């Protein structure tokens, strides 16, 4: 689901702004897009309320990342609707006009997979971003 559609509280706005700041620290030329998905009936039928999706577009081709855009999908969980969601995992996709070139998920060994992989130093940056994302969201659901 588009990140802009998920904004429902001040704490969530702060967390989302922190996500953008965190990514831009590693990729300052990237331009954020809080609405990476079209708003049409076909796209809406695939909406996942447990997902926050945002994209970062580069001004041109990034040879070290082997893509033009990064699509971040943050998988959230919340046992009770009033509690703050916590981060279950992150999927980052390297995208071009031709489609997905690679993907990195915080499941298993956190290694990118795909046809054109980012440079190892860029992979390290992506993993660091993922580790920092887990620090931005509560790690457990409060029982109060």
Protein backbone atom coordinates (compact mmCIF):
# COMPACT_ATOMS: atom_id res chain seq x y z
CA UNK A 1 0.00 0.00 0.00
CA UNK A 2 1.29 3.48 -0.81
CA UNK A 3 3.04 5.02 2.19
CA UNK A 4 1.06 8.25 1.78
CA UNK A 5 -2.19 6.28 2.23
CA UNK A 6 -0.96 4.76 5.50
CA UNK A 7 -0.45 8.03 7.38
CA UNK A 8 -2.87 7.89 10.32
CA UNK A 9 -0.99 9.26 13.32
CA UNK A 10 1.71 11.74 14.23
CA UNK A 11 4.03 8.94 15.37
CA UNK A 12 3.62 7.23 11.99
CA UNK A 13 4.40 10.48 10.15
CA UNK A 14 7.55 10.78 12.25
CA UNK A 15 8.55 7.16 11.50
CA UNK A 16 7.93 7.64 7.78
CA UNK A 17 9.99 10.85 7.73
CA UNK A 18 12.76 8.96 9.53
CA UNK A 19 12.66 6.22 6.87
CA UNK A 20 13.03 8.82 4.12
CA UNK A 21 15.88 10.56 5.95
CA UNK A 22 17.65 7.26 6.57
CA UNK A 23 17.58 6.24 2.90
CA UNK A 24 18.57 9.71 1.72
CA UNK A 25 21.64 9.61 4.00
CA UNK A 26 22.94 6.72 1.88
CA UNK A 27 21.54 7.91 -1.45
CA UNK A 28 21.30 11.73 -1.33
CA UNK A 29 20.46 12.12 -5.04
CA UNK A 30 17.38 9.90 -4.72
CA UNK A 31 13.96 11.52 -4.93
CA UNK A 32 11.27 9.99 -2.71
CA UNK A 33 7.87 8.85 -3.99
CA UNK A 34 5.32 8.04 -1.28
CA UNK A 35 2.80 6.87 -3.91
CA UNK A 36 4.65 4.33 -6.08
CA UNK A 37 1.47 2.46 -7.05
CA UNK A 38 -1.26 3.67 -9.39
CA UNK A 39 -4.68 4.31 -7.93
CA UNK A 40 -6.82 2.18 -10.22
CA UNK A 41 -9.19 -0.75 -9.58
CA UNK A 42 -6.73 -3.41 -10.73
CA UNK A 43 -3.94 -2.12 -8.49
CA UNK A 44 -6.32 -1.60 -5.53
CA UNK A 45 -7.34 -5.26 -5.52
CA UNK A 46 -3.74 -6.14 -4.55
CA UNK A 47 -3.64 -3.65 -1.64
CA UNK A 48 -2.01 -5.01 1.50
CA UNK A 49 -2.75 -2.96 4.61
CA UNK A 50 0.23 -4.59 6.37
CA UNK A 51 2.66 -3.14 3.83
CA UNK A 52 4.10 0.34 3.48
CA UNK A 53 5.51 0.93 0.01
CA UNK A 54 7.69 3.83 -1.04
CA UNK A 55 10.12 4.36 -3.86
CA UNK A 56 13.31 6.32 -4.38
CA UNK A 57 14.13 7.42 -7.92
CA UNK A 58 17.60 8.35 -9.09
CA UNK A 59 18.15 11.17 -11.59
CA UNK A 60 19.53 8.59 -14.02
CA UNK A 61 20.97 5.12 -14.16
CA UNK A 62 22.87 3.97 -11.05
CA UNK A 63 25.55 1.55 -12.29
CA UNK A 64 26.58 0.60 -8.76
CA UNK A 65 22.98 -0.30 -7.87
CA UNK A 66 22.14 -1.61 -11.37
CA UNK A 67 18.81 0.23 -11.35
CA UNK A 68 17.02 3.57 -11.69
CA UNK A 69 14.73 3.20 -8.67
CA UNK A 70 14.54 1.44 -5.33
CA UNK A 71 11.16 0.14 -4.17
CA UNK A 72 10.96 -0.38 -0.41
CA UNK A 73 8.22 -2.58 1.00
CA UNK A 74 8.04 -2.54 4.78
CA UNK A 75 5.99 -5.45 6.13
CA UNK A 76 4.25 -4.43 9.34
CA UNK A 77 2.22 -6.25 11.93
CA UNK A 78 -0.11 -5.11 14.65
CA UNK A 79 -2.08 -7.49 16.84
CA UNK A 80 -4.44 -4.81 18.07
CA UNK A 81 -5.49 -1.98 15.79
CA UNK A 82 -4.70 0.68 18.42
CA UNK A 83 -1.12 -0.50 18.96
CA UNK A 84 1.80 0.83 17.00
CA UNK A 85 2.77 -1.53 14.18
CA UNK A 86 6.11 -3.27 14.37
CA UNK A 87 8.38 -4.17 11.50
CA UNK A 88 8.36 -7.81 10.42
CA UNK A 89 10.61 -7.43 7.42
CA UNK A 90 11.84 -5.36 4.52
CA UNK A 91 11.99 -6.08 0.81
CA UNK A 92 14.00 -3.76 -1.40
CA UNK A 93 13.76 -4.10 -5.16
CA UNK A 94 16.04 -2.55 -7.77
CA UNK A 95 13.75 -1.43 -10.60
CA UNK A 96 14.19 -0.19 -14.17
CA UNK A 97 11.67 0.50 -16.91
CA UNK A 98 12.08 -3.15 -17.86
CA UNK A 99 11.03 -4.35 -14.38
CA UNK A 100 12.75 -5.82 -11.33
CA UNK A 101 16.49 -6.45 -11.68
CA UNK A 102 17.21 -7.65 -8.16
CA UNK A 103 15.66 -7.97 -4.72
CA UNK A 104 16.99 -8.02 -1.17
CA UNK A 105 14.79 -9.36 1.64
CA UNK A 106 15.42 -9.46 5.37
CA UNK A 107 14.69 -13.17 5.42
CA UNK A 108 17.41 -15.80 5.38
CA UNK A 109 20.90 -14.50 4.60
CA UNK A 110 19.89 -10.98 3.47
CA UNK A 111 21.66 -11.45 0.13
CA UNK A 112 20.33 -9.86 -3.07
CA UNK A 113 18.98 -12.16 -5.76
CA UNK A 114 18.26 -11.41 -9.38
CA UNK A 115 19.71 -11.06 -12.82
CA UNK A 116 21.79 -7.90 -12.24
CA UNK A 117 23.07 -7.51 -8.69
CA UNK A 118 24.21 -4.29 -7.03
CA UNK A 119 27.89 -3.73 -6.25
CA UNK A 120 28.91 -5.32 -2.90
CA UNK A 121 29.49 -1.92 -1.26
CA UNK A 122 25.94 -0.90 -2.24
CA UNK A 123 24.63 -4.19 -0.86
CA UNK A 124 26.30 -3.28 2.45
CA UNK A 125 24.52 0.11 2.40
CA UNK A 126 21.18 -1.59 1.75
CA UNK A 127 21.73 -4.03 4.62
CA UNK A 128 22.66 -1.15 6.93
CA UNK A 129 19.46 0.65 5.96
CA UNK A 130 17.47 -2.49 6.76
CA UNK A 131 19.10 -2.86 10.18
CA UNK A 132 18.35 0.79 10.94
CA UNK A 133 14.74 0.38 9.80
CA UNK A 134 14.23 -2.29 12.45
CA UNK A 135 15.38 0.26 15.04
CA UNK A 136 12.80 2.84 13.86
CA UNK A 137 9.77 0.68 14.63
CA UNK A 138 8.94 -0.96 17.97
CA UNK A 139 10.30 -4.50 18.12
CA UNK A 140 7.45 -5.91 20.21
CA UNK A 141 3.78 -5.11 20.62
CA UNK A 142 3.00 -3.40 23.90
CA UNK A 143 0.56 -5.35 26.08
CA UNK A 144 -0.76 -2.29 27.91
